[in-house]
N, C-alpha and C. Protein backbone atom coordinates (compact mmCIF):
# COMPACT_ATOMS: atom_id res chain seq x y z
N MET A 1 140.15 23.99 53.76
CA MET A 1 140.54 23.86 55.15
C MET A 1 141.45 22.64 55.28
N LYS A 2 142.53 22.78 56.01
CA LYS A 2 143.46 21.68 56.22
C LYS A 2 142.86 20.65 57.16
N ASN A 3 143.39 19.41 57.09
CA ASN A 3 142.91 18.36 57.99
C ASN A 3 143.07 18.74 59.44
N ALA A 4 144.22 19.34 59.79
CA ALA A 4 144.44 19.76 61.18
C ALA A 4 143.38 20.78 61.59
N ASP A 5 143.01 21.68 60.68
CA ASP A 5 141.98 22.67 60.98
C ASP A 5 140.63 21.98 61.20
N ARG A 6 140.31 21.02 60.35
CA ARG A 6 139.05 20.27 60.51
C ARG A 6 139.03 19.54 61.84
N ALA A 7 140.17 18.97 62.21
CA ALA A 7 140.25 18.26 63.48
C ALA A 7 140.04 19.23 64.64
N SER A 8 140.61 20.42 64.55
CA SER A 8 140.43 21.42 65.62
C SER A 8 138.98 21.87 65.71
N VAL A 9 138.34 22.09 64.57
CA VAL A 9 136.93 22.49 64.57
C VAL A 9 136.09 21.39 65.21
N GLU A 10 136.34 20.14 64.84
CA GLU A 10 135.55 19.04 65.41
C GLU A 10 135.82 18.90 66.90
N THR A 11 137.05 19.11 67.33
CA THR A 11 137.36 19.04 68.77
C THR A 11 136.58 20.10 69.53
N ILE A 12 136.55 21.32 69.02
CA ILE A 12 135.82 22.39 69.70
C ILE A 12 134.32 22.12 69.65
N ARG A 13 133.80 21.64 68.55
CA ARG A 13 132.37 21.29 68.48
C ARG A 13 132.03 20.19 69.48
N ARG A 14 132.91 19.20 69.63
CA ARG A 14 132.69 18.13 70.60
C ARG A 14 132.71 18.69 72.02
N LEU A 15 133.66 19.57 72.31
CA LEU A 15 133.72 20.20 73.63
C LEU A 15 132.47 21.04 73.89
N ASN A 16 131.99 21.73 72.87
CA ASN A 16 130.78 22.53 73.01
C ASN A 16 129.58 21.65 73.35
N ARG A 17 129.45 20.54 72.65
CA ARG A 17 128.37 19.59 72.96
C ARG A 17 128.53 19.05 74.38
N GLY A 18 129.77 18.79 74.78
CA GLY A 18 130.03 18.31 76.14
C GLY A 18 129.65 19.33 77.19
N TYR A 19 129.90 20.59 76.90
CA TYR A 19 129.55 21.68 77.81
C TYR A 19 128.03 21.70 78.05
N ILE A 20 127.28 21.60 76.97
CA ILE A 20 125.81 21.59 77.07
C ILE A 20 125.33 20.35 77.80
N ALA A 21 125.88 19.19 77.47
CA ALA A 21 125.49 17.95 78.15
C ALA A 21 125.80 18.03 79.64
N ALA A 22 126.95 18.60 79.99
CA ALA A 22 127.31 18.74 81.41
C ALA A 22 126.31 19.64 82.13
N TYR A 23 125.86 20.70 81.47
CA TYR A 23 124.84 21.58 82.05
C TYR A 23 123.55 20.81 82.31
N MET A 24 123.10 20.06 81.31
CA MET A 24 121.84 19.34 81.43
C MET A 24 121.91 18.21 82.47
N GLU A 25 123.09 17.65 82.67
CA GLU A 25 123.26 16.52 83.59
C GLU A 25 123.87 16.92 84.93
N ALA A 26 124.10 18.24 85.14
CA ALA A 26 124.76 18.73 86.36
C ALA A 26 126.08 17.97 86.59
N ASP A 27 126.86 17.82 85.51
CA ASP A 27 128.12 17.08 85.54
C ASP A 27 129.27 18.01 85.88
N VAL A 28 129.46 18.25 87.16
CA VAL A 28 130.50 19.17 87.62
C VAL A 28 131.88 18.66 87.25
N GLY A 29 132.06 17.35 87.21
CA GLY A 29 133.34 16.76 86.84
C GLY A 29 133.80 17.20 85.46
N TRP A 30 132.85 17.26 84.51
CA TRP A 30 133.21 17.72 83.16
C TRP A 30 133.76 19.14 83.23
N TYR A 31 133.08 19.99 83.96
CA TYR A 31 133.53 21.37 84.07
C TYR A 31 134.88 21.46 84.78
N ARG A 32 135.09 20.69 85.82
CA ARG A 32 136.39 20.72 86.52
C ARG A 32 137.52 20.37 85.56
N ARG A 33 137.27 19.43 84.66
CA ARG A 33 138.30 19.02 83.70
C ARG A 33 138.51 20.03 82.58
N HIS A 34 137.49 20.80 82.23
CA HIS A 34 137.57 21.62 81.03
C HIS A 34 137.59 23.14 81.23
N LEU A 35 137.31 23.60 82.44
CA LEU A 35 137.36 25.04 82.68
C LEU A 35 138.76 25.44 83.15
N ALA A 36 139.28 26.54 82.60
CA ALA A 36 140.57 27.06 83.04
C ALA A 36 140.46 27.55 84.48
N ARG A 37 141.56 27.60 85.16
CA ARG A 37 141.58 28.06 86.56
C ARG A 37 141.04 29.49 86.69
N ASP A 38 141.27 30.32 85.66
CA ASP A 38 140.81 31.71 85.70
C ASP A 38 139.51 31.93 84.93
N PHE A 39 138.76 30.86 84.72
CA PHE A 39 137.48 30.93 84.01
C PHE A 39 136.54 31.95 84.65
N VAL A 40 135.82 32.68 83.79
CA VAL A 40 134.80 33.64 84.23
C VAL A 40 133.58 33.47 83.33
N CYS A 41 132.39 33.50 83.94
CA CYS A 41 131.15 33.41 83.19
C CYS A 41 130.30 34.65 83.49
N ILE A 42 129.82 35.29 82.45
CA ILE A 42 128.87 36.40 82.59
C ILE A 42 127.50 35.85 82.26
N GLU A 43 126.64 35.84 83.26
CA GLU A 43 125.30 35.28 83.13
C GLU A 43 124.35 36.26 82.45
N SER A 44 123.18 35.77 82.08
CA SER A 44 122.16 36.59 81.42
C SER A 44 121.76 37.81 82.22
N ASP A 45 121.80 37.69 83.55
CA ASP A 45 121.40 38.81 84.39
C ASP A 45 122.53 39.81 84.62
N GLY A 46 123.68 39.56 84.01
CA GLY A 46 124.83 40.46 84.14
C GLY A 46 125.76 40.09 85.28
N SER A 47 125.39 39.11 86.09
CA SER A 47 126.26 38.71 87.19
C SER A 47 127.49 37.98 86.64
N VAL A 48 128.57 38.08 87.39
CA VAL A 48 129.83 37.47 87.00
C VAL A 48 130.12 36.32 87.95
N GLN A 49 130.41 35.17 87.39
CA GLN A 49 130.73 34.00 88.20
C GLN A 49 132.17 33.58 87.98
N THR A 50 132.90 33.43 89.06
CA THR A 50 134.24 32.85 88.98
C THR A 50 134.09 31.35 88.76
N ARG A 51 135.19 30.68 88.55
CA ARG A 51 135.16 29.23 88.34
C ARG A 51 134.50 28.53 89.53
N ALA A 52 134.91 28.89 90.74
CA ALA A 52 134.37 28.24 91.94
C ALA A 52 132.86 28.44 92.05
N LYS A 53 132.39 29.65 91.81
CA LYS A 53 130.95 29.92 91.89
C LYS A 53 130.20 29.19 90.77
N PHE A 54 130.79 29.15 89.58
CA PHE A 54 130.18 28.45 88.46
C PHE A 54 130.06 26.96 88.77
N LEU A 55 131.12 26.36 89.33
CA LEU A 55 131.09 24.93 89.65
C LEU A 55 130.01 24.62 90.69
N ALA A 56 129.86 25.50 91.66
CA ALA A 56 128.82 25.29 92.67
C ALA A 56 127.43 25.33 92.02
N ALA A 57 127.21 26.27 91.13
CA ALA A 57 125.93 26.39 90.44
C ALA A 57 125.70 25.21 89.50
N ALA A 58 126.77 24.73 88.86
CA ALA A 58 126.66 23.64 87.90
C ALA A 58 126.24 22.32 88.55
N SER A 59 126.40 22.22 89.85
CA SER A 59 126.01 20.99 90.54
C SER A 59 124.50 20.91 90.77
N GLN A 60 123.81 22.01 90.51
CA GLN A 60 122.36 22.07 90.69
C GLN A 60 121.64 21.63 89.42
N GLU A 61 120.44 21.15 89.57
CA GLU A 61 119.62 20.77 88.42
C GLU A 61 119.42 21.99 87.53
N PRO A 62 119.48 21.83 86.20
CA PRO A 62 119.31 22.98 85.31
C PRO A 62 117.90 23.56 85.40
N ASP A 63 117.78 24.82 85.00
CA ASP A 63 116.47 25.48 85.03
C ASP A 63 115.67 25.24 83.76
N VAL A 64 116.13 24.31 82.94
CA VAL A 64 115.41 23.93 81.72
C VAL A 64 115.25 22.41 81.68
N ALA A 65 114.19 21.96 81.03
CA ALA A 65 113.93 20.52 80.91
C ALA A 65 114.57 19.94 79.65
N ALA A 66 114.75 20.78 78.64
CA ALA A 66 115.35 20.33 77.37
C ALA A 66 116.12 21.50 76.77
N TYR A 67 117.20 21.17 76.05
CA TYR A 67 118.01 22.19 75.38
C TYR A 67 118.57 21.57 74.12
N ARG A 68 118.43 22.30 73.01
CA ARG A 68 118.99 21.81 71.76
C ARG A 68 119.69 22.95 71.05
N LEU A 69 120.84 22.63 70.49
CA LEU A 69 121.59 23.63 69.74
C LEU A 69 120.91 23.88 68.40
N ALA A 70 120.72 25.15 68.07
CA ALA A 70 120.11 25.52 66.80
C ALA A 70 121.17 25.93 65.79
N SER A 71 122.25 26.54 66.27
CA SER A 71 123.34 26.92 65.38
C SER A 71 124.62 27.06 66.20
N VAL A 72 125.73 26.72 65.59
CA VAL A 72 127.04 26.83 66.24
C VAL A 72 128.03 27.33 65.20
N ARG A 73 128.77 28.36 65.57
CA ARG A 73 129.82 28.89 64.70
C ARG A 73 131.13 28.86 65.48
N VAL A 74 132.17 28.28 64.88
CA VAL A 74 133.49 28.18 65.51
C VAL A 74 134.49 28.96 64.66
N ARG A 75 135.25 29.83 65.34
CA ARG A 75 136.32 30.58 64.66
C ARG A 75 137.59 30.48 65.48
N PHE A 76 138.73 30.54 64.79
CA PHE A 76 140.03 30.44 65.46
C PHE A 76 140.83 31.72 65.29
N TYR A 77 141.62 32.01 66.31
CA TYR A 77 142.48 33.20 66.32
C TYR A 77 143.84 32.82 66.91
N GLY A 78 144.78 33.73 66.80
CA GLY A 78 146.09 33.53 67.42
C GLY A 78 146.82 32.30 66.91
N GLY A 79 146.77 32.10 65.59
CA GLY A 79 147.45 30.94 65.02
C GLY A 79 146.81 29.62 65.41
N GLY A 80 145.54 29.65 65.79
CA GLY A 80 144.82 28.44 66.15
C GLY A 80 144.86 28.12 67.63
N ALA A 81 145.40 29.02 68.45
CA ALA A 81 145.50 28.78 69.90
C ALA A 81 144.26 29.24 70.65
N VAL A 82 143.40 30.03 69.99
CA VAL A 82 142.18 30.53 70.62
C VAL A 82 141.00 30.19 69.72
N ALA A 83 139.95 29.63 70.33
CA ALA A 83 138.74 29.30 69.58
C ALA A 83 137.56 30.04 70.20
N LEU A 84 136.75 30.62 69.35
CA LEU A 84 135.55 31.33 69.77
C LEU A 84 134.34 30.55 69.27
N VAL A 85 133.45 30.21 70.19
CA VAL A 85 132.22 29.52 69.84
C VAL A 85 131.07 30.48 70.06
N GLN A 86 130.30 30.72 69.01
CA GLN A 86 129.07 31.52 69.13
C GLN A 86 127.93 30.60 68.72
N ALA A 87 126.95 30.48 69.62
CA ALA A 87 125.89 29.51 69.36
C ALA A 87 124.54 30.03 69.82
N THR A 88 123.52 29.42 69.26
CA THR A 88 122.14 29.70 69.65
C THR A 88 121.52 28.37 70.04
N GLY A 89 120.80 28.38 71.14
CA GLY A 89 120.12 27.18 71.60
C GLY A 89 118.66 27.47 71.87
N ARG A 90 117.87 26.44 71.74
CA ARG A 90 116.44 26.52 72.04
C ARG A 90 116.19 25.64 73.27
N PHE A 91 115.46 26.18 74.24
CA PHE A 91 115.21 25.41 75.44
C PHE A 91 113.74 25.38 75.79
N THR A 92 113.39 24.41 76.60
CA THR A 92 112.03 24.27 77.12
C THR A 92 112.14 24.17 78.63
N ARG A 93 111.39 25.01 79.31
CA ARG A 93 111.38 25.00 80.78
C ARG A 93 110.51 23.84 81.28
N PRO A 94 110.66 23.48 82.54
CA PRO A 94 109.82 22.40 83.09
C PRO A 94 108.32 22.65 82.95
N ASP A 95 107.91 23.93 82.94
CA ASP A 95 106.48 24.24 82.81
C ASP A 95 106.02 24.31 81.34
N GLY A 96 106.94 24.00 80.41
CA GLY A 96 106.59 23.97 78.99
C GLY A 96 106.90 25.25 78.22
N ARG A 97 107.20 26.35 78.93
CA ARG A 97 107.56 27.58 78.22
C ARG A 97 108.86 27.36 77.45
N ARG A 98 108.92 27.98 76.28
CA ARG A 98 110.10 27.85 75.42
C ARG A 98 110.88 29.15 75.37
N GLY A 99 112.15 29.03 75.09
CA GLY A 99 112.98 30.22 75.00
C GLY A 99 114.21 29.98 74.14
N THR A 100 114.98 31.04 73.99
CA THR A 100 116.19 31.03 73.18
C THR A 100 117.33 31.60 73.99
N SER A 101 118.49 31.00 73.87
CA SER A 101 119.69 31.57 74.47
C SER A 101 120.76 31.68 73.40
N ARG A 102 121.59 32.67 73.57
CA ARG A 102 122.76 32.84 72.71
C ARG A 102 123.95 32.93 73.63
N TYR A 103 125.06 32.34 73.20
CA TYR A 103 126.23 32.40 74.06
C TYR A 103 127.50 32.45 73.24
N THR A 104 128.53 32.95 73.89
CA THR A 104 129.87 32.98 73.34
C THR A 104 130.79 32.34 74.37
N ASP A 105 131.52 31.33 73.96
CA ASP A 105 132.52 30.69 74.80
C ASP A 105 133.88 30.88 74.15
N VAL A 106 134.89 31.09 74.97
CA VAL A 106 136.26 31.25 74.49
C VAL A 106 137.10 30.11 75.04
N TYR A 107 137.75 29.38 74.13
CA TYR A 107 138.64 28.28 74.48
C TYR A 107 140.07 28.69 74.14
N VAL A 108 141.01 28.29 74.99
CA VAL A 108 142.43 28.54 74.74
C VAL A 108 143.15 27.20 74.80
N ARG A 109 144.04 26.98 73.83
CA ARG A 109 144.82 25.74 73.81
C ARG A 109 146.17 26.01 74.47
N LYS A 110 146.44 25.25 75.53
CA LYS A 110 147.72 25.33 76.24
C LYS A 110 148.24 23.92 76.43
N ASN A 111 149.50 23.72 76.09
CA ASN A 111 150.13 22.40 76.24
C ASN A 111 149.30 21.30 75.59
N GLY A 112 148.70 21.61 74.44
CA GLY A 112 147.95 20.62 73.68
C GLY A 112 146.55 20.34 74.17
N SER A 113 146.08 21.08 75.17
CA SER A 113 144.76 20.85 75.75
C SER A 113 143.91 22.12 75.67
N TRP A 114 142.64 21.97 75.31
CA TRP A 114 141.73 23.10 75.23
C TRP A 114 141.05 23.32 76.57
N LYS A 115 141.00 24.57 77.04
CA LYS A 115 140.31 24.94 78.27
C LYS A 115 139.38 26.12 77.97
N VAL A 116 138.21 26.11 78.60
CA VAL A 116 137.28 27.24 78.47
C VAL A 116 137.75 28.32 79.43
N VAL A 117 138.00 29.52 78.91
CA VAL A 117 138.44 30.62 79.76
C VAL A 117 137.33 31.62 80.03
N SER A 118 136.32 31.65 79.17
CA SER A 118 135.26 32.64 79.32
C SER A 118 133.97 32.15 78.68
N ALA A 119 132.86 32.52 79.30
CA ALA A 119 131.54 32.24 78.74
C ALA A 119 130.65 33.44 78.99
N GLN A 120 129.83 33.77 78.03
CA GLN A 120 128.83 34.82 78.22
C GLN A 120 127.53 34.31 77.63
N ILE A 121 126.48 34.36 78.45
CA ILE A 121 125.18 33.80 78.09
C ILE A 121 124.15 34.91 78.04
N THR A 122 123.34 34.92 76.98
CA THR A 122 122.25 35.88 76.86
C THR A 122 120.98 35.11 76.54
N ARG A 123 119.97 35.33 77.32
CA ARG A 123 118.66 34.77 77.00
C ARG A 123 117.82 35.93 76.48
N THR A 124 117.04 35.63 75.45
CA THR A 124 116.25 36.69 74.84
C THR A 124 115.22 37.22 75.83
N ALA A 125 114.71 38.40 75.58
CA ALA A 125 113.76 39.06 76.48
C ALA A 125 112.61 38.11 76.80
N GLY A 126 112.27 38.04 78.05
CA GLY A 126 111.18 37.18 78.49
C GLY A 126 111.63 35.76 78.81
N ASP A 127 112.90 35.44 78.51
CA ASP A 127 113.41 34.09 78.75
C ASP A 127 114.29 34.00 79.99
N GLN A 128 114.38 35.07 80.76
CA GLN A 128 115.22 35.07 81.95
C GLN A 128 114.64 34.10 82.98
N ALA A 129 115.54 33.52 83.78
CA ALA A 129 115.10 32.60 84.84
C ALA A 129 114.24 33.37 85.84
N THR A 130 113.24 32.69 86.37
CA THR A 130 112.35 33.35 87.34
C THR A 130 112.57 32.81 88.71
């Protein structure tokens, strides 16, 4: 892997960690800076959130007390202009119940800056928010 490729992988991994930290801290500012204007999120329940709806939801306290990444895979497409993150996370709810989520985020590089254009989140059976 070339140094530039390693740098791109680390940049996307850092952004992925930032995405999770912003979720846990209800850091809407992080999302405003990193979500594309046409960002769309498909939630575990199948609902679709536009950027505006996602930002409103992101300002609320998360429905989990702890979240840790268990695995992260980063792949690039389009000559390195598109990055796909597929990850698995383990979470603990405030009542102590544990669960697993899997997600895919799509980042696009425009004018030297990475923006999240799409996210899809799946929580395993029995792990849906109540």
